[in-house]
Amino acid sequence: MTLYFTNEHEWLRVDGDTAVVGITQHAADELGELVFVETRPAGTQVKAGEAVAVVESVKAASDIYAPVDGEIVEGNAALADNPAVVSTDPQGEGWIVKFRLSNPAQLDGLMDAAAYAAFVG
């Protein structure tokens, strides 16, 4: 599995033609405790930059964007009952959506962990 990051503070863990997407610890810290997460339904085709979910915290509501083109396979159903897990474990149990990649070549435009660390400074 390979981990990628976006300048919108999402991470993407790729395994073959499937990817799991969530927000980074940096984004989770900025948002604070999440109180609501809503994902787009399975089967939805998305293009890079389109919203795949909305997260709401006590501070703000934010869209979560598709880092690359694909089809949503699954939203993290556990977040309906416990959205705060995104705040406490954003790169583990707090994943947001799983999707099937349509154009794996788009991964070349994303950051690796070292580049993301430099990006957030």
PDB file of N, CA and C in Angstrom:
ATOM      1  N   MET A   1       0.841  -1.188   0.000  1.00  0.00           N
ATOM      2  CA  MET A   1       0.000   0.000   0.000  1.00  0.00           C
ATOM      3  C   MET A   1       0.882   1.247   0.000  1.00  0.00           C
ATOM      4  N   THR A   2       0.454   2.236  -0.730  1.00  0.00           N
ATOM      5  CA  THR A   2       1.197   3.482  -0.846  1.00  0.00           C
ATOM      6  C   THR A   2       0.324   4.619  -0.339  1.00  0.00           C
ATOM      7  N   LEU A   3       0.948   5.541   0.399  1.00  0.00           N
ATOM      8  CA  LEU A   3       0.232   6.667   0.983  1.00  0.00           C
ATOM      9  C   LEU A   3       0.581   7.951   0.238  1.00  0.00           C
ATOM     10  N   TYR A   4      -0.456   8.701  -0.144  1.00  0.00           N
ATOM     11  CA  TYR A   4      -0.307   9.978  -0.836  1.00  0.00           C
ATOM     12  C   TYR A   4      -1.054  11.054  -0.055  1.00  0.00           C
ATOM     13  N   PHE A   5      -0.693  12.325  -0.323  1.00  0.00           N
ATOM     14  CA  PHE A   5      -1.320  13.461   0.347  1.00  0.00           C
ATOM     15  C   PHE A   5      -1.651  14.542  -0.674  1.00  0.00           C
ATOM     16  N   THR A   6      -2.664  15.375  -0.344  1.00  0.00           N
ATOM     17  CA  THR A   6      -3.043  16.492  -1.212  1.00  0.00           C
ATOM     18  C   THR A   6      -2.783  17.818  -0.498  1.00  0.00           C
ATOM     19  N   ASN A   7      -2.797  18.903  -1.269  1.00  0.00           N
ATOM     20  CA  ASN A   7      -2.640  20.223  -0.651  1.00  0.00           C
ATOM     21  C   ASN A   7      -3.924  20.679   0.029  1.00  0.00           C
ATOM     22  N   GLU A   8      -4.992  19.876  -0.063  1.00  0.00           N
ATOM     23  CA  GLU A   8      -6.244  20.138   0.662  1.00  0.00           C
ATOM     24  C   GLU A   8      -6.284  19.357   1.978  1.00  0.00           C
ATOM     25  N   HIS A   9      -5.165  18.731   2.324  1.00  0.00           N
ATOM     26  CA  HIS A   9      -4.993  17.994   3.589  1.00  0.00           C
ATOM     27  C   HIS A   9      -5.816  16.711   3.655  1.00  0.00           C
ATOM     28  N   GLU A  10      -5.936  16.038   2.511  1.00  0.00           N
ATOM     29  CA  GLU A  10      -6.494  14.694   2.489  1.00  0.00           C
ATOM     30  C   GLU A  10      -5.356  13.710   2.274  1.00  0.00           C
ATOM     31  N   TRP A  11      -5.544  12.508   2.774  1.00  0.00           N
ATOM     32  CA  TRP A  11      -4.604  11.426   2.487  1.00  0.00           C
ATOM     33  C   TRP A  11      -5.326  10.382   1.656  1.00  0.00           C
ATOM     34  N   LEU A  12      -4.555   9.600   0.939  1.00  0.00           N
ATOM     35  CA  LEU A  12      -5.065   8.573   0.042  1.00  0.00           C
ATOM     36  C   LEU A  12      -4.159   7.355   0.187  1.00  0.00           C
ATOM     37  N   ARG A  13      -4.712   6.249   0.667  1.00  0.00           N
ATOM     38  CA  ARG A  13      -3.952   5.002   0.817  1.00  0.00           C
ATOM     39  C   ARG A  13      -4.391   4.065  -0.301  1.00  0.00           C
ATOM     40  N   VAL A  14      -3.450   3.754  -1.204  1.00  0.00           N
ATOM     41  CA  VAL A  14      -3.756   3.002  -2.416  1.00  0.00           C
ATOM     42  C   VAL A  14      -3.300   1.555  -2.283  1.00  0.00           C
ATOM     43  N   ASP A  15      -4.200   0.645  -2.654  1.00  0.00           N
ATOM     44  CA  ASP A  15      -3.901  -0.783  -2.697  1.00  0.00           C
ATOM     45  C   ASP A  15      -4.483  -1.312  -4.003  1.00  0.00           C
ATOM     46  N   GLY A  16      -3.634  -1.491  -5.006  1.00  0.00           N
ATOM     47  CA  GLY A  16      -4.112  -1.911  -6.326  1.00  0.00           C
ATOM     48  C   GLY A  16      -4.917  -0.801  -6.970  1.00  0.00           C
ATOM     49  N   ASP A  17      -6.169  -1.102  -7.356  1.00  0.00           N
ATOM     50  CA  ASP A  17      -7.009  -0.079  -7.991  1.00  0.00           C
ATOM     51  C   ASP A  17      -8.018   0.516  -7.017  1.00  0.00           C
ATOM     52  N   THR A  18      -7.811   0.242  -5.719  1.00  0.00           N
ATOM     53  CA  THR A  18      -8.717   0.736  -4.684  1.00  0.00           C
ATOM     54  C   THR A  18      -7.964   1.698  -3.772  1.00  0.00           C
ATOM     55  N   ALA A  19      -8.657   2.711  -3.296  1.00  0.00           N
ATOM     56  CA  ALA A  19      -8.039   3.690  -2.403  1.00  0.00           C
ATOM     57  C   ALA A  19      -8.979   4.017  -1.251  1.00  0.00           C
ATOM     58  N   VAL A  20      -8.381   4.311  -0.123  1.00  0.00           N
ATOM     59  CA  VAL A  20      -9.106   4.797   1.051  1.00  0.00           C
ATOM     60  C   VAL A  20      -8.706   6.255   1.224  1.00  0.00           C
ATOM     61  N   VAL A  21      -9.678   7.122   1.501  1.00  0.00           N
ATOM     62  CA  VAL A  21      -9.428   8.558   1.628  1.00  0.00           C
ATOM     63  C   VAL A  21      -9.872   9.041   2.999  1.00  0.00           C
ATOM     64  N   GLY A  22      -9.093   9.942   3.568  1.00  0.00           N
ATOM     65  CA  GLY A  22      -9.454  10.582   4.822  1.00  0.00           C
ATOM     66  C   GLY A  22      -8.767  11.929   4.915  1.00  0.00           C
ATOM     67  N   ILE A  23      -8.883  12.557   6.071  1.00  0.00           N
ATOM     68  CA  ILE A  23      -8.201  13.835   6.288  1.00  0.00           C
ATOM     69  C   ILE A  23      -6.952  13.597   7.126  1.00  0.00           C
ATOM     70  N   THR A  24      -5.993  14.481   6.966  1.00  0.00           N
ATOM     71  CA  THR A  24      -4.740  14.353   7.701  1.00  0.00           C
ATOM     72  C   THR A  24      -4.903  14.814   9.152  1.00  0.00           C
ATOM     73  N   GLN A  25      -3.914  14.490   9.959  1.00  0.00           N
ATOM     74  CA  GLN A  25      -3.930  14.943  11.348  1.00  0.00           C
ATOM     75  C   GLN A  25      -3.949  16.468  11.400  1.00  0.00           C
ATOM     76  N   HIS A  26      -3.227  17.103  10.476  1.00  0.00           N
ATOM     77  CA  HIS A  26      -3.212  18.569  10.414  1.00  0.00           C
ATOM     78  C   HIS A  26      -4.635  19.107  10.223  1.00  0.00           C
ATOM     79  N   ALA A  27      -5.373  18.538   9.272  1.00  0.00           N
ATOM     80  CA  ALA A  27      -6.754  18.979   9.031  1.00  0.00           C
ATOM     81  C   ALA A  27      -7.634  18.698  10.240  1.00  0.00           C
ATOM     82  N   ALA A  28      -7.456  17.522  10.840  1.00  0.00           N
ATOM     83  CA  ALA A  28      -8.257  17.169  12.017  1.00  0.00           C
ATOM     84  C   ALA A  28      -8.010  18.154  13.153  1.00  0.00           C
ATOM     85  N   ASP A  29      -6.751  18.531  13.348  1.00  0.00           N
ATOM     86  CA  ASP A  29      -6.419  19.492  14.406  1.00  0.00           C
ATOM     87  C   ASP A  29      -7.043  20.856  14.128  1.00  0.00           C
ATOM     88  N   GLU A  30      -7.027  21.274  12.863  1.00  0.00           N
ATOM     89  CA  GLU A  30      -7.604  22.564  12.486  1.00  0.00           C
ATOM     90  C   GLU A  30      -9.125  22.579  12.672  1.00  0.00           C
ATOM     91  N   LEU A  31      -9.775  21.481  12.335  1.00  0.00           N
ATOM     92  CA  LEU A  31     -11.239  21.415  12.438  1.00  0.00           C
ATOM     93  C   LEU A  31     -11.728  21.274  13.870  1.00  0.00           C
ATOM     94  N   GLY A  32     -10.972  20.592  14.705  1.00  0.00           N
ATOM     95  CA  GLY A  32     -11.441  20.301  16.051  1.00  0.00           C
ATOM     96  C   GLY A  32     -12.340  19.075  16.030  1.00  0.00           C
ATOM     97  N   GLU A  33     -13.075  18.853  17.107  1.00  0.00           N
ATOM     98  CA  GLU A  33     -13.896  17.650  17.208  1.00  0.00           C
ATOM     99  C   GLU A  33     -15.029  17.655  16.191  1.00  0.00           C
ATOM    100  N   LEU A  34     -15.109  16.586  15.417  1.00  0.00           N
ATOM    101  CA  LEU A  34     -16.174  16.470  14.427  1.00  0.00           C
ATOM    102  C   LEU A  34     -17.457  15.991  15.083  1.00  0.00           C
ATOM    103  N   VAL A  35     -18.570  16.565  14.622  1.00  0.00           N
ATOM    104  CA  VAL A  35     -19.877  16.201  15.164  1.00  0.00           C
ATOM    105  C   VAL A  35     -20.781  15.562  14.110  1.00  0.00           C
ATOM    106  N   PHE A  36     -20.367  15.610  12.830  1.00  0.00           N
ATOM    107  CA  PHE A  36     -21.194  15.057  11.756  1.00  0.00           C
ATOM    108  C   PHE A  36     -20.324  14.782  10.541  1.00  0.00           C
ATOM    109  N   VAL A  37     -20.546  13.632   9.907  1.00  0.00           N
ATOM    110  CA  VAL A  37     -19.881  13.283   8.648  1.00  0.00           C
ATOM    111  C   VAL A  37     -20.930  12.692   7.715  1.00  0.00           C
ATOM    112  N   GLU A  38     -20.971  13.187   6.485  1.00  0.00           N
ATOM    113  CA  GLU A  38     -21.876  12.627   5.480  1.00  0.00           C
ATOM    114  C   GLU A  38     -21.091  12.372   4.205  1.00  0.00           C
ATOM    115  N   THR A  39     -21.145  11.134   3.718  1.00  0.00           N
ATOM    116  CA  THR A  39     -20.449  10.783   2.487  1.00  0.00           C
ATOM    117  C   THR A  39     -21.444  10.652   1.341  1.00  0.00           C
ATOM    118  N   ARG A  40     -20.940  10.838   0.131  1.00  0.00           N
ATOM    119  CA  ARG A  40     -21.777  10.595  -1.043  1.00  0.00           C
ATOM    120  C   ARG A  40     -21.996   9.087  -1.156  1.00  0.00           C
ATOM    121  N   PRO A  41     -23.082   8.657  -1.785  1.00  0.00           N
ATOM    122  CA  PRO A  41     -23.411   7.227  -1.810  1.00  0.00           C
ATOM    123  C   PRO A  41     -22.475   6.390  -2.676  1.00  0.00           C
ATOM    124  N   ALA A  42     -22.377   5.105  -2.325  1.00  0.00           N
ATOM    125  CA  ALA A  42     -21.626   4.148  -3.133  1.00  0.00           C
ATOM    126  C   ALA A  42     -22.180   4.159  -4.550  1.00  0.00           C
ATOM    127  N   GLY A  43     -21.284   4.008  -5.510  1.00  0.00           N
ATOM    128  CA  GLY A  43     -21.680   4.035  -6.913  1.00  0.00           C
ATOM    129  C   GLY A  43     -21.545   5.396  -7.556  1.00  0.00           C
ATOM    130  N   THR A  44     -21.310   6.437  -6.752  1.00  0.00           N
ATOM    131  CA  THR A  44     -21.158   7.792  -7.279  1.00  0.00           C
ATOM    132  C   THR A  44     -19.809   7.928  -7.977  1.00  0.00           C
ATOM    133  N   GLN A  45     -19.828   8.382  -9.220  1.00  0.00           N
ATOM    134  CA  GLN A  45     -18.601   8.671  -9.964  1.00  0.00           C
ATOM    135  C   GLN A  45     -18.152  10.084  -9.598  1.00  0.00           C
ATOM    136  N   VAL A  46     -16.867  10.240  -9.281  1.00  0.00           N
ATOM    137  CA  VAL A  46     -16.346  11.564  -8.932  1.00  0.00           C
ATOM    138  C   VAL A  46     -15.089  11.859  -9.736  1.00  0.00           C
ATOM    139  N   LYS A  47     -14.892  13.121  -9.999  1.00  0.00           N
ATOM    140  CA  LYS A  47     -13.673  13.611 -10.637  1.00  0.00           C
ATOM    141  C   LYS A  47     -12.793  14.227  -9.561  1.00  0.00           C
ATOM    142  N   ALA A  48     -11.505  14.256  -9.807  1.00  0.00           N
ATOM    143  CA  ALA A  48     -10.576  14.888  -8.874  1.00  0.00           C
ATOM    144  C   ALA A  48     -11.059  16.298  -8.568  1.00  0.00           C
ATOM    145  N   GLY A  49     -11.099  16.642  -7.285  1.00  0.00           N
ATOM    146  CA  GLY A  49     -11.525  17.967  -6.865  1.00  0.00           C
ATOM    147  C   GLY A  49     -12.992  18.067  -6.503  1.00  0.00           C
ATOM    148  N   GLU A  50     -13.785  17.032  -6.815  1.00  0.00           N
ATOM    149  CA  GLU A  50     -15.201  17.040  -6.438  1.00  0.00           C
ATOM    150  C   GLU A  50     -15.360  16.527  -5.015  1.00  0.00           C
ATOM    151  N   ALA A  51     -16.371  17.025  -4.339  1.00  0.00           N
ATOM    152  CA  ALA A  51     -16.614  16.623  -2.950  1.00  0.00           C
ATOM    153  C   ALA A  51     -17.068  15.165  -2.885  1.00  0.00           C
ATOM    154  N   VAL A  52     -16.480  14.421  -1.947  1.00  0.00           N
ATOM    155  CA  VAL A  52     -16.912  13.046  -1.679  1.00  0.00           C
ATOM    156  C   VAL A  52     -17.613  12.955  -0.333  1.00  0.00           C
ATOM    157  N   ALA A  53     -17.449  13.999   0.491  1.00  0.00           N
ATOM    158  CA  ALA A  53     -18.062  14.002   1.819  1.00  0.00           C
ATOM    159  C   ALA A  53     -18.084  15.421   2.363  1.00  0.00           C
ATOM    160  N   VAL A  54     -18.899  15.596   3.401  1.00  0.00           N
ATOM    161  CA  VAL A  54     -18.930  16.838   4.171  1.00  0.00           C
ATOM    162  C   VAL A  54     -18.687  16.465   5.620  1.00  0.00           C
ATOM    163  N   VAL A  55     -17.807  17.215   6.274  1.00  0.00           N
ATOM    164  CA  VAL A  55     -17.578  17.022   7.704  1.00  0.00           C
ATOM    165  C   VAL A  55     -17.919  18.318   8.420  1.00  0.00           C
ATOM    166  N   GLU A  56     -18.542  18.188   9.586  1.00  0.00           N
ATOM    167  CA  GLU A  56     -18.878  19.361  10.387  1.00  0.00           C
ATOM    168  C   GLU A  56     -18.260  19.204  11.762  1.00  0.00           C
ATOM    169  N   SER A  57     -17.648  20.282  12.210  1.00  0.00           N
ATOM    170  CA  SER A  57     -17.094  20.319  13.558  1.00  0.00           C
ATOM    171  C   SER A  57     -17.779  21.443  14.316  1.00  0.00           C
ATOM    172  N   VAL A  58     -17.389  21.619  15.554  1.00  0.00           N
ATOM    173  CA  VAL A  58     -17.934  22.733  16.319  1.00  0.00           C
ATOM    174  C   VAL A  58     -17.442  24.059  15.752  1.00  0.00           C
ATOM    175  N   LYS A  59     -16.361  24.029  14.949  1.00  0.00           N
ATOM    176  CA  LYS A  59     -15.792  25.243  14.370  1.00  0.00           C
ATOM    177  C   LYS A  59     -16.313  25.563  12.970  1.00  0.00           C
ATOM    178  N   ALA A  60     -16.490  24.517  12.125  1.00  0.00           N
ATOM    179  CA  ALA A  60     -16.777  24.774  10.711  1.00  0.00           C
ATOM    180  C   ALA A  60     -17.295  23.525  10.018  1.00  0.00           C
ATOM    181  N   ALA A  61     -17.834  23.734   8.821  1.00  0.00           N
ATOM    182  CA  ALA A  61     -18.184  22.625   7.925  1.00  0.00           C
ATOM    183  C   ALA A  61     -17.220  22.678   6.752  1.00  0.00           C
ATOM    184  N   SER A  62     -16.749  21.520   6.320  1.00  0.00           N
ATOM    185  CA  SER A  62     -15.782  21.459   5.228  1.00  0.00           C
ATOM    186  C   SER A  62     -16.097  20.301   4.302  1.00  0.00           C
ATOM    187  N   ASP A  63     -15.849  20.518   3.014  1.00  0.00           N
ATOM    188  CA  ASP A  63     -15.947  19.428   2.055  1.00  0.00           C
ATOM    189  C   ASP A  63     -14.656  18.624   2.078  1.00  0.00           C
ATOM    190  N   ILE A  64     -14.782  17.333   1.828  1.00  0.00           N
ATOM    191  CA  ILE A  64     -13.640  16.455   1.618  1.00  0.00           C
ATOM    192  C   ILE A  64     -13.650  16.132   0.132  1.00  0.00           C
ATOM    193  N   TYR A  65     -12.509  16.319  -0.533  1.00  0.00           N
ATOM    194  CA  TYR A  65     -12.447  16.225  -1.985  1.00  0.00           C
ATOM    195  C   TYR A  65     -11.797  14.931  -2.456  1.00  0.00           C
ATOM    196  N   ALA A  66     -12.226  14.472  -3.627  1.00  0.00           N
ATOM    197  CA  ALA A  66     -11.589  13.328  -4.272  1.00  0.00           C
ATOM    198  C   ALA A  66     -10.216  13.771  -4.768  1.00  0.00           C
ATOM    199  N   PRO A  67      -9.156  13.094  -4.344  1.00  0.00           N
ATOM    200  CA  PRO A  67      -7.825  13.461  -4.827  1.00  0.00           C
ATOM    201  C   PRO A  67      -7.608  13.103  -6.300  1.00  0.00           C
ATOM    202  N   VAL A  68      -8.323  12.089  -6.780  1.00  0.00           N
ATOM    203  CA  VAL A  68      -8.220  11.611  -8.159  1.00  0.00           C
ATOM    204  C   VAL A  68      -9.612  11.160  -8.616  1.00  0.00           C
ATOM    205  N   ASP A  69      -9.748  10.863  -9.897  1.00  0.00           N
ATOM    206  CA  ASP A  69     -11.019  10.368 -10.430  1.00  0.00           C
ATOM    207  C   ASP A  69     -11.303   8.960  -9.915  1.00  0.00           C
ATOM    208  N   GLY A  70     -12.580   8.650  -9.700  1.00  0.00           N
ATOM    209  CA  GLY A  70     -12.924   7.298  -9.285  1.00  0.00           C
ATOM    210  C   GLY A  70     -14.403   7.134  -9.004  1.00  0.00           C
ATOM    211  N   GLU A  71     -14.735   5.968  -8.478  1.00  0.00           N
ATOM    212  CA  GLU A  71     -16.108   5.637  -8.098  1.00  0.00           C
ATOM    213  C   GLU A  71     -16.129   5.292  -6.616  1.00  0.00           C
ATOM    214  N   ILE A  72     -17.000   5.944  -5.876  1.00  0.00           N
ATOM    215  CA  ILE A  72     -17.114   5.645  -4.447  1.00  0.00           C
ATOM    216  C   ILE A  72     -17.648   4.225  -4.287  1.00  0.00           C
ATOM    217  N   VAL A  73     -16.922   3.437  -3.498  1.00  0.00           N
ATOM    218  CA  VAL A  73     -17.298   2.051  -3.240  1.00  0.00           C
ATOM    219  C   VAL A  73     -18.017   1.944  -1.899  1.00  0.00           C
ATOM    220  N   GLU A  74     -17.563   2.761  -0.934  1.00  0.00           N
ATOM    221  CA  GLU A  74     -18.101   2.645   0.428  1.00  0.00           C
ATOM    222  C   GLU A  74     -17.780   3.900   1.220  1.00  0.00           C
ATOM    223  N   GLY A  75     -18.736   4.334   2.023  1.00  0.00           N
ATOM    224  CA  GLY A  75     -18.483   5.358   3.027  1.00  0.00           C
ATOM    225  C   GLY A  75     -18.271   4.660   4.361  1.00  0.00           C
ATOM    226  N   ASN A  76     -17.554   5.286   5.261  1.00  0.00           N
ATOM    227  CA  ASN A  76     -17.297   4.695   6.576  1.00  0.00           C
ATOM    228  C   ASN A  76     -18.557   4.827   7.435  1.00  0.00           C
ATOM    229  N   ALA A  77     -19.354   3.772   7.463  1.00  0.00           N
ATOM    230  CA  ALA A  77     -20.638   3.786   8.173  1.00  0.00           C
ATOM    231  C   ALA A  77     -20.479   4.036   9.668  1.00  0.00           C
ATOM    232  N   ALA A  78     -19.339   3.669  10.239  1.00  0.00           N
ATOM    233  CA  ALA A  78     -19.115   3.863  11.673  1.00  0.00           C
ATOM    234  C   ALA A  78     -19.120   5.338  12.057  1.00  0.00           C
ATOM    235  N   LEU A  79     -18.881   6.222  11.094  1.00  0.00           N
ATOM    236  CA  LEU A  79     -18.820   7.653  11.396  1.00  0.00           C
ATOM    237  C   LEU A  79     -20.189   8.250  11.694  1.00  0.00           C
ATOM    238  N   ALA A  80     -21.253   7.584  11.278  1.00  0.00           N
ATOM    239  CA  ALA A  80     -22.600   8.082  11.573  1.00  0.00           C
ATOM    240  C   ALA A  80     -22.838   8.120  13.078  1.00  0.00           C
ATOM    241  N   ASP A  81     -22.363   7.101  13.779  1.00  0.00           N
ATOM    242  CA  ASP A  81     -22.539   7.027  15.231  1.00  0.00           C
ATOM    243  C   ASP A  81     -21.397   7.663  16.006  1.00  0.00           C
ATOM    244  N   ASN A  82     -20.217   7.740  15.377  1.00  0.00           N
ATOM    245  CA  ASN A  82     -19.045   8.243  16.092  1.00  0.00           C
ATOM    246  C   ASN A  82     -18.169   9.090  15.168  1.00  0.00           C
ATOM    247  N   PRO A  83     -18.650  10.274  14.749  1.00  0.00           N
ATOM    248  CA  PRO A  83     -17.852  11.107  13.847  1.00  0.00           C
ATOM    249  C   PRO A  83     -16.558  11.602  14.480  1.00  0.00           C
ATOM    250  N   ALA A  84     -16.500  11.649  15.807  1.00  0.00           N
ATOM    251  CA  ALA A  84     -15.311  12.160  16.491  1.00  0.00           C
ATOM    252  C   ALA A  84     -14.085  11.292  16.254  1.00  0.00           C
ATOM    253  N   VAL A  85     -14.260  10.041  15.811  1.00  0.00           N
ATOM    254  CA  VAL A  85     -13.102   9.183  15.549  1.00  0.00           C
ATOM    255  C   VAL A  85     -12.229   9.770  14.439  1.00  0.00           C
ATOM    256  N   VAL A  86     -12.808  10.580  13.557  1.00  0.00           N
ATOM    257  CA  VAL A  86     -12.009  11.250  12.533  1.00  0.00           C
ATOM    258  C   VAL A  86     -11.024  12.209  13.198  1.00  0.00           C
ATOM    259  N   SER A  87     -11.429  12.833  14.284  1.00  0.00           N
ATOM    260  CA  SER A  87     -10.561  13.769  15.002  1.00  0.00           C
ATOM    261  C   SER A  87      -9.462  13.048  15.764  1.00  0.00           C
ATOM    262  N   THR A  88      -9.778  11.883  16.323  1.00  0.00           N
ATOM    263  CA  THR A  88      -8.820  11.178  17.177  1.00  0.00           C
ATOM    264  C   THR A  88      -7.948  10.187  16.422  1.00  0.00           C
ATOM    265  N   ASP A  89      -8.419   9.659  15.286  1.00  0.00           N
ATOM    266  CA  ASP A  89      -7.662   8.673  14.511  1.00  0.00           C
ATOM    267  C   ASP A  89      -7.899   8.895  13.015  1.00  0.00           C
ATOM    268  N   PRO A  90      -7.506  10.084  12.505  1.00  0.00           N
ATOM    269  CA  PRO A  90      -7.870  10.442  11.137  1.00  0.00           C
ATOM    270  C   PRO A  90      -7.267   9.548  10.057  1.00  0.00           C
ATOM    271  N   GLN A  91      -6.117   8.950  10.319  1.00  0.00           N
ATOM    272  CA  GLN A  91      -5.482   8.123   9.301  1.00  0.00           C
ATOM    273  C   GLN A  91      -5.632   6.632   9.599  1.00  0.00           C
ATOM    274  N   GLY A  92      -6.558   6.304  10.505  1.00  0.00           N
ATOM    275  CA  GLY A  92      -6.834   4.912  10.838  1.00  0.00           C
ATOM    276  C   GLY A  92      -8.319   4.648  10.746  1.00  0.00           C
ATOM    277  N   GLU A  93      -8.955   4.445  11.918  1.00  0.00           N
ATOM    278  CA  GLU A  93     -10.391   4.149  11.963  1.00  0.00           C
ATOM    279  C   GLU A  93     -11.252   5.306  11.469  1.00  0.00           C
ATOM    280  N   GLY A  94     -10.675   6.503  11.371  1.00  0.00           N
ATOM    281  CA  GLY A  94     -11.427   7.676  10.932  1.00  0.00           C
ATOM    282  C   GLY A  94     -11.399   7.920   9.434  1.00  0.00           C
ATOM    283  N   TRP A  95     -11.101   6.881   8.647  1.00  0.00           N
ATOM    284  CA  TRP A  95     -11.146   7.057   7.186  1.00  0.00           C
ATOM    285  C   TRP A  95     -12.557   7.487   6.770  1.00  0.00           C
ATOM    286  N   ILE A  96     -12.656   8.143   5.613  1.00  0.00           N
ATOM    287  CA  ILE A  96     -13.938   8.719   5.186  1.00  0.00           C
ATOM    288  C   ILE A  96     -14.625   7.871   4.105  1.00  0.00           C
ATOM    289  N   VAL A  97     -13.946   7.640   2.977  1.00  0.00           N
ATOM    290  CA  VAL A  97     -14.527   6.849   1.884  1.00  0.00           C
ATOM    291  C   VAL A  97     -13.486   5.914   1.281  1.00  0.00           C
ATOM    292  N   LYS A  98     -13.995   4.857   0.667  1.00  0.00           N
ATOM    293  CA  LYS A  98     -13.179   3.980  -0.173  1.00  0.00           C
ATOM    294  C   LYS A  98     -13.682   4.160  -1.596  1.00  0.00           C
ATOM    295  N   PHE A  99     -12.738   4.185  -2.546  1.00  0.00           N
ATOM    296  CA  PHE A  99     -13.189   4.251  -3.923  1.00  0.00           C
ATOM    297  C   PHE A  99     -12.241   3.546  -4.871  1.00  0.00           C
ATOM    298  N   ARG A 100     -12.772   3.230  -6.046  1.00  0.00           N
ATOM    299  CA  ARG A 100     -12.024   2.562  -7.099  1.00  0.00           C
ATOM    300  C   ARG A 100     -11.444   3.634  -8.011  1.00  0.00           C
ATOM    301  N   LEU A 101     -10.152   3.555  -8.254  1.00  0.00           N
ATOM    302  CA  LEU A 101      -9.468   4.531  -9.095  1.00  0.00           C
ATOM    303  C   LEU A 101      -9.864   4.362 -10.561  1.00  0.00           C
ATOM    304  N   SER A 102     -10.121   5.473 -11.231  1.00  0.00           N
ATOM    305  CA  SER A 102     -10.403   5.458 -12.669  1.00  0.00           C
ATOM    306  C   SER A 102      -9.154   5.751 -13.480  1.00  0.00           C
ATOM    307  N   ASN A 103      -8.244   6.551 -12.911  1.00  0.00           N
ATOM    308  CA  ASN A 103      -7.062   6.993 -13.644  1.00  0.00           C
ATOM    309  C   ASN A 103      -5.860   7.016 -12.701  1.00  0.00           C
ATOM    310  N   PRO A 104      -5.221   5.855 -12.471  1.00  0.00           N
ATOM    311  CA  PRO A 104      -4.105   5.792 -11.522  1.00  0.00           C
ATOM    312  C   PRO A 104      -2.947   6.733 -11.852  1.00  0.00           C
ATOM    313  N   ALA A 105      -2.814   7.150 -13.105  1.00  0.00           N
ATOM    314  CA  ALA A 105      -1.737   8.072 -13.470  1.00  0.00           C
ATOM    315  C   ALA A 105      -1.852   9.392 -12.709  1.00  0.00           C
ATOM    316  N   GLN A 106      -3.062   9.738 -12.238  1.00  0.00           N
ATOM    317  CA  GLN A 106      -3.242  10.982 -11.481  1.00  0.00           C
ATOM    318  C   GLN A 106      -2.499  10.958 -10.146  1.00  0.00           C
ATOM    319  N   LEU A 107      -2.155   9.784  -9.658  1.00  0.00           N
ATOM    320  CA  LEU A 107      -1.433   9.689  -8.385  1.00  0.00           C
ATOM    321  C   LEU A 107      -0.093  10.405  -8.459  1.00  0.00           C
ATOM    322  N   ASP A 108       0.475  10.495  -9.661  1.00  0.00           N
ATOM    323  CA  ASP A 108       1.769  11.161  -9.831  1.00  0.00           C
ATOM    324  C   ASP A 108       1.720  12.632  -9.438  1.00  0.00           C
ATOM    325  N   GLY A 109       0.537  13.233  -9.423  1.00  0.00           N
ATOM    326  CA  GLY A 109       0.397  14.639  -9.066  1.00  0.00           C
ATOM    327  C   GLY A 109       0.222  14.887  -7.577  1.00  0.00           C
ATOM    328  N   LEU A 110       0.232  13.826  -6.775  1.00  0.00           N
ATOM    329  CA  LEU A 110       0.044  13.957  -5.329  1.00  0.00           C
ATOM    330  C   LEU A 110       1.386  13.927  -4.605  1.00  0.00           C
ATOM    331  N   MET A 111       1.382  14.291  -3.335  1.00  0.00           N
ATOM    332  CA  MET A 111       2.600  14.345  -2.528  1.00  0.00           C
ATOM    333  C   MET A 111       2.821  13.042  -1.769  1.00  0.00           C
ATOM    334  N   ASP A 112       4.105  12.724  -1.546  1.00  0.00           N
ATOM    335  CA  ASP A 112       4.424  11.639  -0.622  1.00  0.00           C
ATOM    336  C   ASP A 112       4.522  12.238   0.780  1.00  0.00           C
ATOM    337  N   ALA A 113       4.806  11.398   1.774  1.00  0.00           N
ATOM    338  CA  ALA A 113       4.818  11.866   3.166  1.00  0.00           C
ATOM    339  C   ALA A 113       5.839  12.974   3.395  1.00  0.00           C
ATOM    340  N   ALA A 114       7.025  12.852   2.811  1.00  0.00           N
ATOM    341  CA  ALA A 114       8.065  13.867   3.008  1.00  0.00           C
ATOM    342  C   ALA A 114       7.648  15.206   2.396  1.00  0.00           C
ATOM    343  N   ALA A 115       7.085  15.165   1.205  1.00  0.00           N
ATOM    344  CA  ALA A 115       6.642  16.404   0.555  1.00  0.00           C
ATOM    345  C   ALA A 115       5.500  17.045   1.338  1.00  0.00           C
ATOM    346  N   TYR A 116       4.589  16.228   1.868  1.00  0.00           N
ATOM    347  CA  TYR A 116       3.480  16.780   2.650  1.00  0.00           C
ATOM    348  C   TYR A 116       3.995  17.412   3.943  1.00  0.00           C
ATOM    349  N   ALA A 117       4.945  16.756   4.598  1.00  0.00           N
ATOM    350  CA  ALA A 117       5.522  17.312   5.830  1.00  0.00           C
ATOM    351  C   ALA A 117       6.158  18.671   5.552  1.00  0.00           C
ATOM    352  N   ALA A 118       6.840  18.800   4.422  1.00  0.00           N
ATOM    353  CA  ALA A 118       7.431  20.086   4.050  1.00  0.00           C
ATOM    354  C   ALA A 118       6.337  21.103   3.734  1.00  0.00           C
ATOM    355  N   PHE A 119       5.252  20.659   3.115  1.00  0.00           N
ATOM    356  CA  PHE A 119       4.136  21.531   2.752  1.00  0.00           C
ATOM    357  C   PHE A 119       3.490  22.158   3.987  1.00  0.00           C
ATOM    358  N   VAL A 120       3.267  21.351   5.030  1.00  0.00           N
ATOM    359  CA  VAL A 120       2.619  21.885   6.230  1.00  0.00           C
ATOM    360  C   VAL A 120       3.612  22.574   7.155  1.00  0.00           C
ATOM    361  N   GLY A 121       4.894  22.392   6.862  1.00  0.00           N
ATOM    362  CA  GLY A 121       5.952  23.089   7.576  1.00  0.00           C
ATOM    363  C   GLY A 121       6.127  22.668   8.973  1.00  0.00           C
TER     364      GLY A 121
END
